[in-house]
Amino acid sequence: MNASFSRPAEACRISALAAAAFFTWPCATHAAGIVSTSAEHTFYFGVVTDVAGRTRLDSLHVDMRVSYFGGEGTPTLATANISEPDNPASELYYTPDAAYCYLNANTQTTMGQAALDQGYGFIGATAGQSFWHISSSVGAGDSIFLGLSTADDDNNELVAWNPGDADRGANTTDKFIRLDLVRIEGPAGGEFALFDFGSGGAAPSVYMATSDGIDEDDCFYLTAGSHDHVNWTFTQPGVYALTFRMTTLVVEKYDNWRWTAGLDSAGTDGFAEHATAAALPNGVRYALGLDAAAGAPLEGMLPVATSEGNLPGFLVGLPSSARPDITYAIWRATDLAAGDWAQVATKTGTATWSTSVQAVGTDGSRTLYLWSEEDAPASGEAFFYQLRVTQN
């Protein structure tokens, strides 16, 4: 398939992370890829309280599966018997809106002053106050055992990167999935925390804590195909709705770009036979490094016929991080009626151009390439150009 175009010349607790501050790469280092952030997904928790219209998950091994899913699907709650967590016959799967994690009376505990002195005040409970705790260890098996899992991830879709976050154990290069807490809704005075105990008297590792508000530090990292258990706490009985987003780095290709941009594959042409400046299909926007939004400004962004030193040429802007799954071809004609189109240069993926096409500058995240004629046109002669874009 190809696309071508030518151009001839307070009753409840509600807290949220501001959207603009949701996710940055302050110290992250990574190879070429597409930063992919999921939609928001809300999971429900009932602290000695049932959630109407949903299935109660109690005294089970439950995993919140928060994988990238190769751009398709949604997170799930996967359950199994605590006594046989690896037995597929005991597994059931629920979407986040179909079930809830239930903290029964066995999860209730009391905050001690010693724990506060050791740095556990972030939980949001005061000395002598009850709170409810899902432990990182299975214990007696008489309450929910809740983990986080990326077991469904397709490693071939992910790119390794280094978040540079030593405080959360994410300071190496790996295929990380970052889980951010975006919003909490719950009972008045209800706080939520996600953490690991400190060993040998060390301070705890705090991943998320709403007692000081929600910001970009409320996050947890998993590697692709991993399965972790941490501690979950809630300070008031009632129903909580926790909303999360997942962010990762994915292989640079059209389907991942489309999914990340929120473009539904149904009814959209990725690569149409002909495109115009007024209606560029998604595939052409991807290939040229343009804004994915329909109607986004295109002025100065499209290939254009030009003249340098009286020699006709064709100026093309492409993503500086080359699209590995795209082939670009420059075609030329001298007679539109005759249709004498001939290919004069081509570039496949990350390879260089096949003939003398020069990089002449940059435009933001794009590199500008110029193909020039060797000779000036004869009197009355005209040259016409096309850029044809093909998905490999």
Protein backbone atom coordinates (compact mmCIF):
# COMPACT_ATOMS: atom_id res chain seq x y z
CA MET A 1 0.00 0.00 0.00
CA ASN A 2 1.21 3.51 -0.60
CA ALA A 3 0.17 7.08 -0.19
CA SER A 4 1.29 9.72 -2.62
CA PHE A 5 0.83 13.41 -2.99
CA SER A 6 2.32 15.87 -5.44
CA ARG A 7 2.88 19.58 -5.21
CA PRO A 8 3.72 21.37 -8.42
CA ALA A 9 5.25 24.48 -7.07
CA GLU A 10 -15.98 16.98 50.53
CA ALA A 11 -18.64 14.15 51.32
CA CYS A 12 -16.01 11.95 49.92
CA ARG A 13 -12.30 12.07 49.38
CA ILE A 14 -11.39 13.07 45.81
CA SER A 15 -7.82 13.80 44.88
CA ALA A 16 -6.23 13.88 41.46
CA LEU A 17 -2.95 14.46 39.71
CA ALA A 18 -3.01 17.44 37.38
CA ALA A 19 -3.03 16.22 33.80
CA ALA A 20 -0.19 18.48 32.76
CA ALA A 21 2.07 17.00 35.40
CA PHE A 22 1.16 13.42 34.76
CA PHE A 23 4.29 12.02 33.20
CA THR A 24 7.71 13.33 32.30
CA TRP A 25 11.09 11.76 31.58
CA PRO A 26 13.19 13.92 33.93
CA CYS A 27 16.21 11.63 34.09
CA ALA A 28 15.13 8.79 31.83
CA THR A 29 17.39 7.55 29.07
CA HIS A 30 16.15 5.35 26.29
CA ALA A 31 16.69 4.19 22.73
CA ALA A 32 14.49 5.25 19.86
CA GLY A 33 10.87 4.34 20.42
CA ILE A 34 7.42 5.79 21.01
CA VAL A 35 6.39 6.88 24.51
CA SER A 36 3.03 5.16 24.97
CA THR A 37 0.63 6.21 27.70
CA SER A 38 -2.57 4.27 28.23
CA ALA A 39 -6.04 5.55 28.88
CA GLU A 40 -7.11 5.90 32.51
CA HIS A 41 -8.30 2.70 34.20
CA THR A 42 -10.18 2.63 37.50
CA PHE A 43 -10.02 -0.25 39.98
CA TYR A 44 -12.40 -0.57 42.93
CA PHE A 45 -11.66 -1.55 46.53
CA GLY A 46 -14.17 -2.29 49.25
CA VAL A 47 -12.79 -1.88 52.77
CA VAL A 48 -15.19 -4.01 54.86
CA THR A 49 -17.78 -2.60 52.46
CA ASP A 50 -19.36 -4.16 49.40
CA VAL A 51 -19.39 -2.44 46.03
CA ALA A 52 -22.80 -2.72 44.41
CA GLY A 53 -23.06 -4.42 41.05
CA ARG A 54 -19.57 -5.96 41.10
CA THR A 55 -18.12 -9.35 42.05
CA ARG A 56 -16.37 -9.50 45.42
CA LEU A 57 -12.77 -10.80 45.32
CA ASP A 58 -11.95 -11.97 48.84
CA SER A 59 -9.41 -14.47 50.25
CA LEU A 60 -8.00 -15.07 46.78
CA HIS A 61 -4.70 -14.52 45.03
CA VAL A 62 -5.52 -11.57 42.76
CA ASP A 63 -3.24 -9.88 40.23
CA MET A 64 -3.85 -6.51 38.66
CA ARG A 65 -2.55 -7.16 35.15
CA VAL A 66 -1.37 -3.83 33.81
CA SER A 67 0.49 -4.86 30.67
CA TYR A 68 0.91 -2.84 27.47
CA PHE A 69 -1.05 -5.59 25.65
CA GLY A 70 0.61 -4.79 22.34
CA GLY A 71 -1.66 -1.80 21.95
CA GLU A 72 -4.87 -3.75 22.37
CA GLY A 73 -7.03 -4.78 25.31
CA THR A 74 -7.45 -3.43 28.82
CA PRO A 75 -6.11 -4.29 32.29
CA THR A 76 -7.73 -7.20 34.12
CA LEU A 77 -8.09 -8.65 37.58
CA ALA A 78 -6.86 -12.24 37.44
CA THR A 79 -7.81 -14.48 40.37
CA ALA A 80 -6.65 -17.86 41.60
CA ASN A 81 -6.95 -19.92 44.76
CA ILE A 82 -4.29 -18.90 47.27
CA SER A 83 -3.38 -22.55 47.80
CA GLU A 84 -2.77 -23.16 44.07
CA PRO A 85 -1.95 -19.83 42.36
CA ASP A 86 -0.29 -21.49 39.37
CA ASN A 87 -3.18 -23.80 38.55
CA PRO A 88 -4.85 -22.46 35.37
CA ALA A 89 -8.02 -24.37 36.23
CA SER A 90 -8.57 -22.10 39.25
CA GLU A 91 -8.05 -18.82 37.36
CA LEU A 92 -10.80 -16.36 36.57
CA TYR A 93 -10.52 -12.99 34.84
CA TYR A 94 -12.51 -9.80 35.39
CA THR A 95 -12.43 -6.36 33.84
CA PRO A 96 -11.85 -3.55 36.36
CA ASP A 97 -15.50 -2.51 36.26
CA ALA A 98 -16.80 -6.04 36.85
CA ALA A 99 -15.17 -6.87 40.19
CA TYR A 100 -13.57 -5.29 43.25
CA CYS A 101 -10.86 -6.17 45.74
CA TYR A 102 -12.39 -6.75 49.17
CA LEU A 103 -10.50 -6.06 52.39
CA ASN A 104 -12.22 -8.14 55.06
CA ALA A 105 -11.96 -7.81 58.84
CA ASN A 106 -8.75 -9.87 58.88
CA THR A 107 -6.93 -7.00 57.14
CA GLN A 108 -7.64 -4.54 59.95
CA THR A 109 -4.68 -3.50 62.09
CA THR A 110 -3.64 -0.62 64.34
CA MET A 111 -0.96 2.01 63.79
CA GLY A 112 1.65 1.95 66.55
CA GLN A 113 3.88 4.79 67.62
CA ALA A 114 6.94 2.65 66.88
CA ALA A 115 5.85 2.32 63.25
CA LEU A 116 5.38 6.07 63.01
CA ASP A 117 8.86 6.58 64.47
CA GLN A 118 10.22 4.26 61.75
CA GLY A 119 8.75 6.41 58.98
CA TYR A 120 5.30 4.93 58.28
CA GLY A 121 3.38 8.17 58.78
CA PHE A 122 2.79 8.35 55.02
CA ILE A 123 0.06 5.71 55.48
CA GLY A 124 -2.10 8.50 56.90
CA ALA A 125 -3.08 6.85 60.20
CA THR A 126 -2.23 8.28 63.62
CA ALA A 127 -1.03 6.31 66.67
CA GLY A 128 -3.79 4.02 67.89
CA GLN A 129 -5.88 4.46 64.73
CA SER A 130 -7.10 1.44 62.78
CA PHE A 131 -6.26 0.97 59.12
CA TRP A 132 -6.64 -1.92 56.65
CA HIS A 133 -3.63 -3.64 55.15
CA ILE A 134 -3.18 -6.02 52.21
CA SER A 135 0.18 -7.59 53.00
CA SER A 136 2.98 -8.29 50.53
CA SER A 137 3.17 -11.81 52.02
CA VAL A 138 0.43 -14.39 51.72
CA GLY A 139 0.10 -14.94 55.48
CA ALA A 140 -2.64 -17.27 56.67
CA GLY A 141 -4.54 -17.02 53.40
CA ASP A 142 -7.64 -15.64 55.11
CA SER A 143 -7.71 -12.35 53.18
CA ILE A 144 -6.96 -11.06 49.70
CA PHE A 145 -3.38 -11.41 48.43
CA LEU A 146 -3.01 -8.71 45.79
CA GLY A 147 -0.18 -8.42 43.29
CA LEU A 148 0.77 -6.43 40.21
CA SER A 149 1.60 -8.24 37.01
CA THR A 150 2.81 -7.56 33.48
CA ALA A 151 2.73 -11.25 32.57
CA ASP A 152 0.73 -10.52 29.41
CA ASP A 153 3.30 -8.21 27.87
CA ASP A 154 4.68 -8.91 24.43
CA ASN A 155 8.40 -8.25 24.85
CA ASN A 156 8.75 -7.79 21.10
CA GLU A 157 6.65 -4.63 21.32
CA LEU A 158 8.64 -2.95 24.10
CA VAL A 159 11.89 -0.98 24.06
CA ALA A 160 14.32 -0.99 27.00
CA TRP A 161 14.79 2.31 28.83
CA ASN A 162 16.23 3.58 32.09
CA PRO A 163 13.78 5.64 34.21
CA GLY A 164 16.66 6.86 36.38
CA ASP A 165 14.53 6.37 39.50
CA ALA A 166 16.73 4.70 42.12
CA ASP A 167 14.20 5.39 44.90
CA ARG A 168 11.73 3.03 43.22
CA GLY A 169 14.23 0.42 42.05
CA ALA A 170 14.11 1.60 38.43
CA ASN A 171 17.65 2.76 37.78
CA THR A 172 18.75 0.21 35.18
CA THR A 173 17.94 -0.32 31.52
CA ASP A 174 15.04 -2.71 31.08
CA LYS A 175 11.60 -2.96 29.50
CA PHE A 176 9.77 -1.03 32.19
CA ILE A 177 6.05 -0.36 32.57
CA ARG A 178 5.37 2.67 34.76
CA LEU A 179 2.10 2.67 36.72
CA ASP A 180 0.96 6.12 37.86
CA LEU A 181 -1.78 6.91 40.35
CA VAL A 182 -3.91 9.59 38.72
CA ARG A 183 -6.90 9.94 41.02
CA ILE A 184 -8.54 8.58 44.17
CA GLU A 185 -12.18 8.76 45.22
CA GLY A 186 -13.18 7.35 48.60
CA PRO A 187 -14.65 8.00 52.02
CA ALA A 188 -13.93 11.20 53.91
CA GLY A 189 -10.52 10.98 55.55
CA GLY A 190 -9.63 7.87 53.56
CA GLU A 191 -5.99 7.63 52.49
CA PHE A 192 -4.26 5.04 50.30
CA ALA A 193 -0.62 3.94 50.22
CA LEU A 194 1.47 1.42 48.24
CA PHE A 195 4.88 0.51 49.65
CA ASP A 196 7.49 -2.06 50.60
CA PHE A 197 8.72 -2.57 54.16
CA GLY A 198 12.25 -1.50 54.91
CA SER A 199 14.48 -4.42 55.89
CA GLY A 200 16.70 -4.43 58.98
CA GLY A 201 15.30 -1.17 60.30
CA ALA A 202 15.73 0.63 56.99
CA ALA A 203 13.17 3.18 55.85
CA PRO A 204 10.24 1.84 53.82
CA SER A 205 10.12 2.24 50.04
CA VAL A 206 7.09 4.41 49.35
CA TYR A 207 5.61 4.18 45.85
CA MET A 208 2.25 5.87 46.27
CA ALA A 209 0.75 7.79 49.20
CA THR A 210 -2.23 10.10 49.05
CA SER A 211 -1.68 11.58 52.52
CA ASP A 212 0.49 14.30 50.95
CA GLY A 213 -1.54 14.65 47.76
CA ILE A 214 -0.97 13.07 44.35
CA ASP A 215 1.86 14.05 42.03
CA GLU A 216 4.32 12.49 39.58
CA ASP A 217 6.11 10.72 42.44
CA ASP A 218 3.11 8.44 43.02
CA CYS A 219 4.22 5.66 40.72
CA PHE A 220 5.43 2.07 40.60
CA TYR A 221 7.63 0.35 38.01
CA LEU A 222 7.34 -3.21 36.74
CA THR A 223 9.44 -4.91 34.10
CA ALA A 224 7.81 -6.77 31.22
CA GLY A 225 6.68 -10.24 32.24
CA SER A 226 7.12 -9.59 35.97
CA HIS A 227 4.91 -10.23 38.99
CA ASP A 228 5.29 -8.30 42.25
CA HIS A 229 3.54 -8.16 45.61
CA VAL A 230 3.67 -4.99 47.69
CA ASN A 231 1.70 -3.56 50.63
CA TRP A 232 -1.61 -1.77 50.12
CA THR A 233 -3.20 0.25 52.93
CA PHE A 234 -6.46 2.20 53.41
CA THR A 235 -7.29 4.29 56.47
CA GLN A 236 -11.10 4.32 56.48
CA PRO A 237 -13.80 1.74 55.76
CA GLY A 238 -15.75 2.35 52.58
CA VAL A 239 -15.47 2.15 48.81
CA TYR A 240 -12.40 3.46 47.00
CA ALA A 241 -11.93 4.05 43.29
CA LEU A 242 -8.26 4.20 42.31
CA THR A 243 -7.50 5.43 38.79
CA PHE A 244 -4.19 4.56 37.14
CA ARG A 245 -2.34 5.06 33.88
CA MET A 246 0.43 2.95 32.39
CA THR A 247 3.36 4.37 30.44
CA THR A 248 6.10 2.54 28.57
CA LEU A 249 8.35 2.78 25.52
CA VAL A 250 7.24 0.79 22.48
CA VAL A 251 8.76 -0.18 19.17
CA GLU A 252 8.46 2.57 16.62
CA LYS A 253 5.95 1.34 14.07
CA TYR A 254 2.64 2.53 12.70
CA ASP A 255 0.28 0.36 14.79
CA ASN A 256 1.94 1.44 18.05
CA TRP A 257 1.87 5.09 16.98
CA ARG A 258 -1.81 4.85 16.03
CA TRP A 259 -2.74 3.24 19.35
CA THR A 260 -0.69 5.73 21.36
CA ALA A 261 -2.36 8.61 19.51
CA GLY A 262 -5.78 7.22 20.43
CA LEU A 263 -6.72 6.45 16.83
CA ASP A 264 -9.15 3.58 16.37
CA SER A 265 -8.12 1.20 13.60
CA ALA A 266 -11.73 0.63 12.57
CA GLY A 267 -12.78 2.71 9.60
CA THR A 268 -9.49 4.60 9.27
CA ASP A 269 -7.14 4.39 6.32
CA GLY A 270 -3.57 4.12 7.45
CA PHE A 271 -2.19 4.29 3.91
CA ALA A 272 -4.58 5.37 1.17
CA GLU A 273 -3.70 5.32 -2.52
CA HIS A 274 -3.90 9.12 -2.84
CA ALA A 275 -3.74 11.81 -0.20
CA THR A 276 -4.26 15.54 -0.24
CA ALA A 277 -3.05 18.28 2.04
CA ALA A 278 -6.61 18.67 3.30
CA ALA A 279 -7.11 15.03 4.19
CA LEU A 280 -3.91 13.20 4.99
CA PRO A 281 -4.50 9.64 6.17
CA ASN A 282 -3.01 8.55 9.48
CA GLY A 283 -0.21 6.57 7.87
CA VAL A 284 1.12 9.62 6.04
CA ARG A 285 1.02 11.71 9.22
CA TYR A 286 3.01 8.98 10.96
CA ALA A 287 5.53 8.68 8.12
CA LEU A 288 6.16 12.44 8.00
CA GLY A 289 6.23 12.92 11.77
CA LEU A 290 3.12 15.12 11.76
CA ASP A 291 0.56 15.68 14.50
CA ALA A 292 -1.85 12.74 14.65
CA ALA A 293 -4.88 14.93 15.26
CA ALA A 294 -7.19 15.37 12.32
CA GLY A 295 -7.19 19.00 11.23
CA ALA A 296 -3.81 19.71 12.86
CA PRO A 297 -1.94 22.56 11.12
CA LEU A 298 0.03 21.41 8.08
CA GLU A 299 1.38 24.71 6.82
CA GLY A 300 5.08 24.39 6.11
CA MET A 301 5.08 20.71 7.07
CA LEU A 302 4.47 19.04 3.71
CA PRO A 303 6.99 18.28 0.93
CA VAL A 304 7.43 21.18 -1.45
CA ALA A 305 9.03 21.83 -4.83
CA THR A 306 11.86 24.29 -4.49
CA SER A 307 14.76 25.88 -6.39
CA GLU A 308 18.32 26.17 -5.19
CA GLY A 309 20.83 27.87 -7.49
CA ASN A 310 18.33 27.72 -10.37
CA LEU A 311 18.16 23.95 -10.02
CA PRO A 312 14.70 22.50 -9.31
CA GLY A 313 14.41 20.23 -6.33
CA PHE A 314 12.10 18.62 -3.78
CA LEU A 315 12.28 19.44 -0.05
CA VAL A 316 10.98 16.73 2.31
CA GLY A 317 10.75 16.76 6.11
CA LEU A 318 10.94 13.37 7.84
CA PRO A 319 11.20 12.32 11.50
CA SER A 320 14.79 12.66 12.70
CA SER A 321 14.29 9.32 14.45
CA ALA A 322 13.77 7.33 11.26
CA ARG A 323 10.61 5.24 10.96
CA PRO A 324 11.92 1.68 10.61
CA ASP A 325 8.74 0.37 9.00
CA ILE A 326 8.40 2.98 6.25
CA THR A 327 9.87 3.29 2.75
CA TYR A 328 10.02 6.77 1.19
CA ALA A 329 10.39 7.28 -2.56
CA ILE A 330 10.76 10.52 -4.51
CA TRP A 331 9.24 10.36 -7.99
CA ARG A 332 9.53 12.90 -10.80
CA ALA A 333 7.60 13.62 -13.99
CA THR A 334 7.95 16.14 -16.79
CA ASP A 335 4.55 15.62 -18.38
CA LEU A 336 1.53 15.13 -16.16
CA ALA A 337 -0.69 14.25 -19.10
CA ALA A 338 1.67 11.51 -20.21
CA GLY A 339 2.22 10.38 -16.65
CA ASP A 340 5.92 9.76 -17.20
CA TRP A 341 6.64 9.28 -13.51
CA ALA A 342 10.04 7.80 -12.62
CA GLN A 343 11.58 7.07 -9.23
CA VAL A 344 14.69 9.15 -8.55
CA ALA A 345 15.48 8.39 -4.88
CA THR A 346 14.37 6.00 -2.15
CA LYS A 347 14.94 5.47 1.56
CA THR A 348 13.90 2.31 3.42
CA GLY A 349 13.54 2.46 7.19
CA THR A 350 16.69 3.59 8.94
CA ALA A 351 18.87 3.21 5.82
CA THR A 352 20.29 6.22 4.00
CA TRP A 353 18.86 7.58 0.76
CA SER A 354 19.71 5.57 -2.35
CA THR A 355 21.05 8.56 -4.24
CA SER A 356 22.28 12.07 -3.55
CA VAL A 357 19.68 13.46 -1.18
CA GLN A 358 21.19 15.92 1.30
CA ALA A 359 20.17 16.75 4.85
CA VAL A 360 19.89 20.54 4.79
CA GLY A 361 18.49 21.38 8.21
CA THR A 362 16.06 20.53 10.98
CA ASP A 363 12.54 21.57 11.89
CA GLY A 364 11.85 20.61 15.48
CA SER A 365 11.98 16.82 15.65
CA ARG A 366 12.19 16.46 11.88
CA THR A 367 15.13 16.50 9.46
CA LEU A 368 14.80 18.36 6.15
CA TYR A 369 16.08 16.52 3.06
CA LEU A 370 16.64 18.05 -0.37
CA TRP A 371 16.77 16.23 -3.71
CA SER A 372 18.04 18.46 -6.54
CA GLU A 373 18.13 18.16 -10.32
CA GLU A 374 21.57 18.02 -11.91
CA ASP A 375 20.62 20.41 -14.71
CA ALA A 376 18.39 23.41 -15.06
CA PRO A 377 15.19 22.83 -17.04
CA ALA A 378 15.04 23.81 -20.68
CA SER A 379 12.87 26.71 -21.72
CA GLY A 380 9.22 25.79 -21.15
CA GLU A 381 10.12 22.56 -19.36
CA ALA A 382 8.59 21.73 -15.98
CA PHE A 383 9.31 19.16 -13.30
CA PHE A 384 6.69 17.62 -11.03
CA TYR A 385 7.43 15.67 -7.84
CA GLN A 386 5.75 13.13 -5.60
CA LEU A 387 6.69 11.57 -2.29
CA ARG A 388 5.32 8.04 -2.09
CA VAL A 389 5.08 6.50 1.34
CA THR A 390 4.86 2.73 1.75
CA GLN A 391 4.50 0.66 4.90
CA ASN A 392 7.07 -2.14 4.83
